[in-house]
Protein backbone atom coordinates (compact mmCIF):
# COMPACT_ATOMS: atom_id res chain seq x y z
CA UNK A 1 -22.01 36.30 18.79
CA UNK A 2 -18.46 35.76 18.31
CA UNK A 3 -17.89 32.31 16.48
CA UNK A 4 -15.35 29.80 17.87
CA UNK A 5 -11.79 30.25 16.02
CA UNK A 6 -10.01 27.53 14.27
CA UNK A 7 -6.55 25.90 14.50
CA UNK A 8 -5.17 24.32 11.28
CA UNK A 9 -2.13 21.96 11.55
CA UNK A 10 0.06 23.05 8.76
CA UNK A 11 -1.74 25.22 6.06
CA UNK A 12 0.44 24.27 2.99
CA UNK A 13 -1.51 22.97 -0.12
CA UNK A 14 -4.56 23.35 -2.01
CA UNK A 15 -6.71 20.88 0.39
CA UNK A 16 -5.21 22.93 3.49
CA UNK A 17 -5.80 26.58 1.55
CA UNK A 18 -9.46 25.47 0.33
CA UNK A 19 -10.15 24.39 4.28
CA UNK A 20 -8.81 27.52 5.49
CA UNK A 21 -10.53 29.51 2.92
CA UNK A 22 -14.28 27.84 3.88
CA UNK A 23 -13.67 28.23 7.64
CA UNK A 24 -12.78 32.09 6.85
CA UNK A 25 -15.61 32.45 4.61
CA UNK A 26 -18.22 31.31 7.40
CA UNK A 27 -16.89 33.73 9.75
CA UNK A 28 -14.44 31.79 12.03
CA UNK A 29 -11.09 33.12 12.87
CA UNK A 30 -8.47 30.70 11.51
CA UNK A 31 -5.07 30.28 13.04
CA UNK A 32 -2.12 28.28 11.68
CA UNK A 33 0.48 25.90 13.46
CA UNK A 34 3.60 25.60 11.23
CA UNK A 35 7.15 25.25 11.27
CA UNK A 36 8.83 28.27 10.84
CA UNK A 37 10.19 27.06 7.49
CA UNK A 38 6.91 26.02 6.07
CA UNK A 39 5.47 28.91 7.72
CA UNK A 40 7.83 30.94 5.54
CA UNK A 41 6.82 29.25 2.07
CA UNK A 42 3.04 30.32 2.22
CA UNK A 43 1.88 32.72 0.23
CA UNK A 44 0.60 36.45 0.94
CA UNK A 45 -3.27 35.64 0.23
CA UNK A 46 -3.05 32.59 2.78
CA UNK A 47 -1.14 34.72 5.33
CA UNK A 48 -3.84 37.73 4.67
CA UNK A 49 -6.64 35.04 5.42
CA UNK A 50 -5.10 33.73 8.61
CA UNK A 51 -5.89 35.45 11.83
CA UNK A 52 -3.01 34.19 13.52
CA UNK A 53 -0.28 31.88 13.57
CA UNK A 54 2.48 29.92 15.98
CA UNK A 55 5.62 28.43 15.24
CA UNK A 56 5.99 24.39 16.48
CA UNK A 57 8.22 22.08 16.14
CA UNK A 58 6.34 18.70 15.14
CA UNK A 59 10.03 16.75 15.61
CA UNK A 60 8.50 16.79 19.50
CA UNK A 61 4.87 16.41 19.56
CA UNK A 62 4.46 15.87 23.22
CA UNK A 63 5.51 19.45 23.88
CA UNK A 64 3.85 20.12 21.02
CA UNK A 65 0.64 19.61 21.87
CA UNK A 66 1.13 21.23 25.13
CA UNK A 67 2.23 24.51 23.44
CA UNK A 68 -0.45 24.52 21.01
CA UNK A 69 -3.06 23.28 23.57
CA UNK A 70 -2.02 26.69 25.44
CA UNK A 71 -2.05 28.55 22.42
CA UNK A 72 -5.54 27.62 21.21
CA UNK A 73 -6.80 28.17 25.03
CA UNK A 74 -5.38 31.49 24.88
CA UNK A 75 -7.42 32.68 21.46
CA UNK A 76 -10.41 30.56 22.37
CA UNK A 77 -9.86 28.08 19.21
CA UNK A 78 -12.52 25.15 19.61
CA UNK A 79 -11.79 23.34 16.45
CA UNK A 80 -8.67 21.31 15.47
CA UNK A 81 -8.16 20.23 11.89
CA UNK A 82 -5.41 18.91 9.36
CA UNK A 83 -5.08 17.34 5.94
CA UNK A 84 -1.55 16.57 6.63
CA UNK A 85 -1.12 13.03 7.11
CA UNK A 86 2.14 13.31 9.04
CA UNK A 87 0.16 15.15 11.74
CA UNK A 88 -3.20 13.16 11.95
CA UNK A 89 -1.46 11.76 15.15
CA UNK A 90 -0.70 14.59 17.05
CA UNK A 91 -4.15 16.13 16.15
CA UNK A 92 -5.85 12.98 17.91
CA UNK A 93 -3.76 14.04 21.30
CA UNK A 94 -4.28 18.00 20.76
CA UNK A 95 -8.20 17.27 20.34
CA UNK A 96 -8.02 15.03 23.60
CA UNK A 97 -6.34 17.46 25.70
CA UNK A 98 -8.71 20.33 24.51
CA UNK A 99 -11.64 18.52 24.66
CA UNK A 100 -13.13 18.86 21.36
CA UNK A 101 -13.86 16.19 18.75
CA UNK A 102 -11.11 14.43 17.75
CA UNK A 103 -10.34 10.56 17.33
CA UNK A 104 -9.23 8.32 19.87
CA UNK A 105 -5.53 9.50 20.42
CA UNK A 106 -4.61 5.88 21.89
CA UNK A 107 -5.39 4.21 18.57
CA UNK A 108 -3.98 7.08 16.45
CA UNK A 109 -0.81 6.11 15.52
CA UNK A 110 -2.44 2.96 13.70
CA UNK A 111 -3.72 5.71 10.76
CA UNK A 112 -0.32 6.88 10.49
CA UNK A 113 2.21 4.23 10.89
CA UNK A 114 1.78 1.34 8.57
CA UNK A 115 3.11 -1.32 10.69
CA UNK A 116 0.69 -0.11 13.76
CA UNK A 117 -2.10 -0.13 11.39
CA UNK A 118 -1.23 -3.94 9.75
CA UNK A 119 -1.12 -5.13 13.45
CA UNK A 120 -4.33 -3.58 14.33
CA UNK A 121 -6.02 -4.75 11.05
CA UNK A 122 -4.87 -8.48 11.80
CA UNK A 123 -6.20 -8.13 15.96
CA UNK A 124 -9.68 -6.72 14.05
CA UNK A 125 -10.07 -8.95 11.15
CA UNK A 126 -9.40 -6.31 8.84
CA UNK A 127 -9.26 -8.32 5.40
CA UNK A 128 -5.67 -7.14 4.49
CA UNK A 129 -2.98 -8.90 2.61
CA UNK A 130 -0.58 -10.40 5.00
CA UNK A 131 2.43 -8.29 6.20
CA UNK A 132 5.45 -8.90 8.17
CA UNK A 133 7.72 -6.15 9.76
CA UNK A 134 11.58 -6.74 8.84
CA UNK A 135 14.53 -4.87 10.25
CA UNK A 136 17.41 -6.22 8.75
CA UNK A 137 18.48 -8.50 5.83
CA UNK A 138 17.77 -11.83 7.64
CA UNK A 139 14.87 -10.56 8.15
CA UNK A 140 14.30 -9.63 4.78
CA UNK A 141 15.07 -13.44 3.60
CA UNK A 142 12.75 -14.52 6.26
CA UNK A 143 9.60 -12.64 5.18
CA UNK A 144 10.33 -13.49 1.39
CA UNK A 145 10.65 -17.40 2.19
CA UNK A 146 6.91 -16.94 3.81
CA UNK A 147 4.66 -18.63 1.56
CA UNK A 148 2.32 -16.00 2.81
CA UNK A 149 3.87 -13.69 0.72
CA UNK A 150 5.48 -14.99 -2.12
CA UNK A 151 5.92 -12.99 -5.53
CA UNK A 152 5.24 -10.45 -6.76
CA UNK A 153 5.27 -9.00 -3.08
CA UNK A 154 5.59 -5.29 -1.80
CA UNK A 155 7.96 -3.69 -0.16
CA UNK A 156 7.54 -0.02 1.48
CA UNK A 157 8.25 2.04 4.30
CA UNK A 158 6.45 1.89 7.49
CA UNK A 159 6.12 5.49 7.67
CA UNK A 160 6.13 7.10 4.76
CA UNK A 161 3.27 8.71 2.62
CA UNK A 162 2.71 9.22 -1.29
CA UNK A 163 3.74 6.35 -2.52
CA UNK A 164 7.57 7.51 -1.63
CA UNK A 165 9.53 4.09 -1.47
CA UNK A 166 7.16 1.32 -2.18
CA UNK A 167 8.30 -0.90 -4.65
CA UNK A 168 6.51 -4.02 -6.31
CA UNK A 169 9.39 -6.99 -6.23
CA UNK A 170 8.78 -9.66 -8.57
CA UNK A 171 11.60 -11.77 -7.34
CA UNK A 172 14.31 -12.02 -5.00
CA UNK A 173 16.98 -10.06 -6.72
CA UNK A 174 15.24 -7.08 -6.42
CA UNK A 175 14.28 -7.17 -2.88
CA UNK A 176 17.52 -6.00 -0.87
CA UNK A 177 17.42 -2.77 -3.39
CA UNK A 178 13.88 -2.43 -2.36
CA UNK A 179 14.42 -2.67 0.84
CA UNK A 180 16.91 0.10 0.93
CA UNK A 181 14.61 2.44 -1.03
CA UNK A 182 12.19 2.18 1.95
CA UNK A 183 14.79 2.59 4.83
CA UNK A 184 15.79 5.90 3.15
CA UNK A 185 12.21 7.41 3.38
CA UNK A 186 11.78 9.83 6.13
CA UNK A 187 8.15 11.36 7.73
CA UNK A 188 8.28 15.01 7.11
CA UNK A 189 9.11 15.46 10.91
CA UNK A 190 11.33 12.67 11.34
CA UNK A 191 14.62 12.96 12.46
CA UNK A 192 16.11 10.09 10.09
CA UNK A 193 15.18 6.80 8.45
CA UNK A 194 13.35 4.23 10.09
CA UNK A 195 15.22 0.80 9.57
CA UNK A 196 12.04 -1.07 9.61
CA UNK A 197 10.30 -1.90 6.48
CA UNK A 198 7.27 -3.89 5.74
CA UNK A 199 6.81 -6.84 3.36
CA UNK A 200 3.72 -7.14 1.86
CA UNK A 201 1.52 -9.61 -0.12
CA UNK A 202 0.53 -8.38 -3.42
CA UNK A 203 -3.25 -8.08 -4.02
CA UNK A 204 -4.07 -8.01 -7.47
CA UNK A 205 -7.16 -6.15 -8.75
CA UNK A 206 -8.02 -2.73 -9.44
CA UNK A 207 -7.60 -0.07 -6.64
CA UNK A 208 -10.32 2.26 -5.16
CA UNK A 209 -10.23 4.25 -2.31
CA UNK A 210 -13.24 5.46 -0.15
CA UNK A 211 -13.70 8.89 0.99
CA UNK A 212 -15.87 8.95 4.21
CA UNK A 213 -16.68 11.23 6.92
CA UNK A 214 -17.22 10.01 10.55
CA UNK A 215 -18.97 11.92 13.15
CA UNK A 216 -19.46 10.66 16.73
CA UNK A 217 -18.64 7.17 15.67
CA UNK A 218 -21.29 7.00 12.85
CA UNK A 219 -19.66 6.80 9.15
CA UNK A 220 -21.18 7.99 6.01
CA UNK A 221 -19.33 7.17 2.45
CA UNK A 222 -19.22 10.02 0.24
CA UNK A 223 -17.60 8.38 -2.64
CA UNK A 224 -15.93 5.57 -4.23
CA UNK A 225 -12.90 6.61 -6.47
CA UNK A 226 -11.03 4.83 -9.09
CA UNK A 227 -7.44 5.17 -8.91
CA UNK A 228 -5.35 5.65 -12.27
CA UNK A 229 -1.91 4.20 -11.33
CA UNK A 230 1.16 3.40 -13.56
CA UNK A 231 2.59 -0.36 -13.50
CA UNK A 232 5.92 -2.07 -13.13
CA UNK A 233 7.77 -1.69 -9.96
CA UNK A 234 6.66 1.76 -9.23
CA UNK A 235 2.77 2.09 -8.94
CA UNK A 236 2.37 5.84 -8.85
CA UNK A 237 -0.84 7.52 -9.27
CA UNK A 238 -1.67 9.25 -12.18
CA UNK A 239 -5.31 10.45 -11.73
CA UNK A 240 -8.42 9.77 -9.55
CA UNK A 241 -12.20 9.43 -10.97
CA UNK A 242 -15.45 9.74 -8.84
CA UNK A 243 -18.00 8.26 -8.36
CA UNK A 244 -17.40 5.18 -9.48
CA UNK A 245 -20.68 2.81 -9.80
CA UNK A 246 -19.65 -0.61 -8.77
CA UNK A 247 -21.86 -3.69 -8.75
CA UNK A 248 -24.03 -3.43 -5.71
CA UNK A 249 -22.55 -6.62 -3.87
CA UNK A 250 -19.01 -5.16 -4.50
CA UNK A 251 -20.01 -1.69 -3.43
CA UNK A 252 -21.46 -3.44 -0.28
CA UNK A 253 -17.95 -5.25 0.21
CA UNK A 254 -16.05 -2.10 -0.24
CA UNK A 255 -17.80 -0.42 1.99
CA UNK A 256 -18.02 -3.27 5.03
CA UNK A 257 -14.06 -3.32 4.95
CA UNK A 258 -13.85 0.50 4.84
CA UNK A 259 -15.63 0.80 7.78
CA UNK A 260 -14.04 -2.26 9.62
CA UNK A 261 -10.30 -0.27 8.83
CA UNK A 262 -11.97 2.67 10.50
CA UNK A 263 -13.23 1.08 13.44
CA UNK A 264 -9.84 -0.63 13.57
CA UNK A 265 -7.88 2.74 13.86
CA UNK A 266 -10.13 5.01 16.09
CA UNK A 267 -11.26 6.92 13.69
CA UNK A 268 -14.82 9.13 15.35
CA UNK A 269 -14.46 12.40 14.03
CA UNK A 270 -13.23 13.53 10.74
CA UNK A 271 -12.27 12.33 7.36
CA UNK A 272 -11.27 9.05 5.95
CA UNK A 273 -9.46 7.67 2.93
CA UNK A 274 -9.24 3.82 2.64
CA UNK A 275 -7.64 2.21 -0.16
CA UNK A 276 -9.19 -0.87 -1.19
CA UNK A 277 -7.99 -3.62 -3.96
CA UNK A 278 -11.13 -4.96 -5.18
CA UNK A 279 -10.01 -8.75 -7.13
CA UNK A 280 -11.70 -9.93 -9.92
CA UNK A 281 -13.56 -12.15 -7.94
CA UNK A 282 -14.95 -9.42 -5.97
CA UNK A 283 -12.85 -9.84 -2.76
CA UNK A 284 -11.89 -6.59 -1.37
CA UNK A 285 -8.14 -5.85 0.47
CA UNK A 286 -7.79 -3.16 2.23
CA UNK A 287 -4.54 -2.03 1.48
CA UNK A 288 -4.08 1.24 3.70
CA UNK A 289 -5.99 3.72 5.73
CA UNK A 290 -5.73 7.61 6.11
CA UNK A 291 -7.37 9.77 8.99
CA UNK A 292 -7.74 12.88 6.51
CA UNK A 293 -9.27 14.00 3.70
CA UNK A 294 -7.71 12.38 0.66
CA UNK A 295 -4.81 14.56 -1.41
CA UNK A 296 -4.69 14.89 -5.41
CA UNK A 297 -7.88 17.25 -5.91
CA UNK A 298 -10.45 14.52 -4.55
CA UNK A 299 -12.15 16.95 -2.07
CA UNK A 300 -12.71 19.35 -5.43
CA UNK A 301 -13.76 16.06 -7.28
CA UNK A 302 -16.14 15.19 -4.51
CA UNK A 303 -17.74 19.13 -4.56
CA UNK A 304 -18.00 19.08 -8.04
CA UNK A 305 -19.45 15.68 -8.93
CA UNK A 306 -21.38 15.79 -6.23
CA UNK A 307 -22.51 18.96 -5.05
CA UNK A 308 -20.95 18.18 -1.09
CA UNK A 309 -19.34 21.19 0.30
CA UNK A 310 -16.37 18.60 2.18
CA UNK A 311 -14.40 21.45 3.68
CA UNK A 312 -17.90 22.94 5.42
CA UNK A 313 -18.55 19.16 6.15
CA UNK A 314 -15.08 18.57 7.99
CA UNK A 315 -15.34 22.24 9.92
CA UNK A 316 -18.80 21.43 11.09
CA UNK A 317 -17.47 17.78 12.65
CA UNK A 318 -14.59 19.33 14.19
CA UNK A 319 -17.14 21.72 15.65
CA UNK A 320 -19.27 18.89 16.92
CA UNK A 321 -22.36 20.28 14.35
CA UNK A 322 -24.30 18.33 11.94
CA UNK A 323 -22.37 18.07 8.74
CA UNK A 324 -24.36 18.40 5.29
CA UNK A 325 -23.26 15.32 3.45
CA UNK A 326 -26.54 14.62 0.97
CA UNK A 327 -25.52 15.12 -2.74
CA UNK A 328 -27.19 17.98 -4.62
CA UNK A 329 -25.84 17.06 -7.73
CA UNK A 330 -25.16 13.86 -9.99
CA UNK A 331 -21.90 14.44 -12.27
CA UNK A 332 -18.43 12.97 -13.02
CA UNK A 333 -15.07 14.47 -11.84
CA UNK A 334 -11.46 13.46 -12.92
CA UNK A 335 -8.02 14.86 -11.99
CA UNK A 336 -5.03 13.83 -14.69
CA UNK A 337 -1.64 14.36 -13.01
CA UNK A 338 0.89 15.49 -14.93
CA UNK A 339 4.58 13.55 -14.95
CA UNK A 340 7.74 13.62 -16.46
CA UNK A 341 8.88 10.39 -18.65
CA UNK A 342 12.37 10.65 -17.36
CA UNK A 343 14.76 12.51 -14.97
CA UNK A 344 16.46 15.28 -16.23
CA UNK A 345 16.20 19.17 -16.56
CA UNK A 346 13.61 20.20 -17.89
CA UNK A 347 13.35 22.77 -20.98
CA UNK A 348 9.71 22.78 -22.05
CA UNK A 349 6.28 22.03 -20.04
CA UNK A 350 3.59 23.71 -22.11
CA UNK A 351 -0.34 23.43 -23.73
CA UNK A 352 -1.80 23.35 -20.13
CA UNK A 353 -5.63 23.77 -20.01
CA UNK A 354 -6.76 26.72 -19.16
CA UNK A 355 -9.58 27.13 -16.34
CA UNK A 356 -12.90 27.68 -17.93
CA UNK A 357 -15.95 25.23 -17.99
CA UNK A 358 -15.82 21.89 -16.80
CA UNK A 359 -11.83 22.46 -15.92
CA UNK A 360 -12.43 24.27 -12.53
CA UNK A 361 -8.88 23.46 -11.42
CA UNK A 362 -5.48 23.57 -13.23
CA UNK A 363 -2.09 23.49 -11.11
CA UNK A 364 1.08 23.92 -12.63
CA UNK A 365 4.08 22.79 -10.36
CA UNK A 366 7.05 23.04 -12.62
CA UNK A 367 8.64 25.41 -14.81
CA UNK A 368 11.45 25.24 -17.38
CA UNK A 369 15.33 25.02 -16.05
CA UNK A 370 14.34 22.81 -13.05
CA UNK A 371 15.31 19.28 -12.58
CA UNK A 372 12.36 16.96 -12.68
CA UNK A 373 12.13 12.96 -11.79
CA UNK A 374 10.95 9.95 -13.62
CA UNK A 375 7.71 9.31 -11.08
CA UNK A 376 8.60 7.44 -8.26
CA UNK A 377 6.56 8.98 -5.48
CA UNK A 378 3.41 11.71 -5.78
CA UNK A 379 5.75 14.71 -5.28
CA UNK A 380 7.38 14.56 -8.77
CA UNK A 381 4.11 15.62 -10.53
CA UNK A 382 4.49 18.45 -12.58
CA UNK A 383 1.24 19.64 -12.52
CA UNK A 384 -2.39 18.54 -12.50
CA UNK A 385 -6.03 19.48 -13.79
CA UNK A 386 -9.33 18.45 -13.07
CA UNK A 387 -12.18 17.91 -16.08
CA UNK A 388 -16.18 17.97 -14.77
CA UNK A 389 -19.15 17.29 -16.34
CA UNK A 390 -22.45 15.39 -16.42
CA UNK A 391 -21.02 12.25 -18.45
CA UNK A 392 -18.36 10.05 -17.10
CA UNK A 393 -17.69 8.62 -20.73
CA UNK A 394 -17.29 12.51 -21.58
CA UNK A 395 -15.27 13.91 -18.65
CA UNK A 396 -12.84 10.94 -19.17
CA UNK A 397 -12.71 11.44 -22.93
CA UNK A 398 -12.02 15.15 -22.56
CA UNK A 399 -9.49 14.46 -20.04
CA UNK A 400 -7.00 12.12 -21.60
CA UNK A 401 -7.36 14.62 -24.90
CA UNK A 402 -5.99 17.46 -22.76
CA UNK A 403 -3.44 15.49 -21.43
CA UNK A 404 -2.24 14.36 -24.50
CA UNK A 405 -1.92 18.42 -25.48
CA UNK A 406 0.64 18.98 -23.10
CA UNK A 407 4.03 18.87 -24.26
CA UNK A 408 6.97 18.29 -22.21
CA UNK A 409 10.66 18.19 -23.26
CA UNK A 410 13.62 17.12 -20.47
CA UNK A 411 17.14 16.81 -21.44
CA UNK A 412 19.41 13.94 -19.97
CA UNK A 413 20.25 14.46 -16.03
CA UNK A 414 23.82 14.18 -17.65
CA UNK A 415 23.34 17.26 -19.45
CA UNK A 416 25.01 20.43 -18.12
CA UNK A 417 22.66 23.21 -17.49
CA UNK A 418 22.98 25.99 -19.49
CA UNK A 419 23.15 29.26 -18.76
CA UNK A 420 19.72 31.25 -17.60
CA UNK A 421 18.55 27.78 -16.82
CA UNK A 422 19.48 27.45 -13.11
CA UNK A 423 15.91 28.05 -11.60
CA UNK A 424 14.68 25.14 -9.69
CA UNK A 425 11.14 23.93 -10.11
CA UNK A 426 8.41 25.90 -8.71
CA UNK A 427 4.64 25.57 -7.69
CA UNK A 428 2.07 27.89 -8.81
CA UNK A 429 -1.42 27.41 -8.39
CA UNK A 430 -3.78 28.52 -11.54
CA UNK A 431 -7.31 27.87 -10.02
CA UNK A 432 -10.24 30.04 -8.37
């Protein structure tokens, strides 16, 4: 019997590659939809894995849905998947067009556009920081004067991702510059910046994320992840660790808020990643939600720490089959992200760990000669590695030790490039 084929919207990146590999290993023909530029960047291993591909213009979503639906019907594709946050709304509409399991298309925008998300949260009673959508300088001044916002506050783009353009502002003096930074952020498939920005009350506490899978409206929470973050104006992720063991009452509250956010944004079939701030008093505030599997190797962490094959589970949900979500392991896993201490020319990046026992994944994203940045977004990472094991304390200590062994040297950005150093930073994966 021929198994149904799978359409993957944008197969770039380690998460998409893992999903495609899992589907192909189970005998499904995997097809990819991508922009022409993205497809050119696919490596030979990924291209050889694909049974077919189609070039699509994601900047025209209505047309893309019709063209991709026709392609899926021609090739017998009965599942639509994406791990690209910018394509989750398109995926919901395509699933509805094909009549396959997917999220509510009428509410899919609320899990992608942060202004729509804030409105959905407010309308459905999700506990979230007070948020104001502003367009111009007058609106910004009005938002900052609102006692429900106060200082510090957060200014961020409505359609960004990966912490790009997000600034914690401690006084009115930095607000205008932060708003300009947010406006300059464009979505992956946008044709220009968005004049709207969000001004949000600051939620103090410890940030976690809840990794969940919903099938036919029933949600299973796979893990709570602790987020390692920088301080200051730019709160950039430097690592993730899971599973977190929270006090029972706090964990119940965290799950309750995650489920409220999932319902508010119409997530009925597929993964979700809900970021939640837990205050010292145990109160929970939902920062935002994504209708996708978390990036930053969290899927791999779940697989190694809990024994749950999230890639197979995502495929089963997309095909309408029962997903296996019961943990078969009880370990711990963490990822560390390697970042540059300053902006400039990278002259040395060495001492990376190697794949081996307890280190299942190492990825180096930069090489000497490239321009690197002091982290202001998750895209500024130089690399990452994963550490796993049975004991949380031992795993975290080993990860910190390995991180300290990495040597980074960066020349100031004002220093001209020397001959032979004109190579751009590049990405290379070192992982099974």
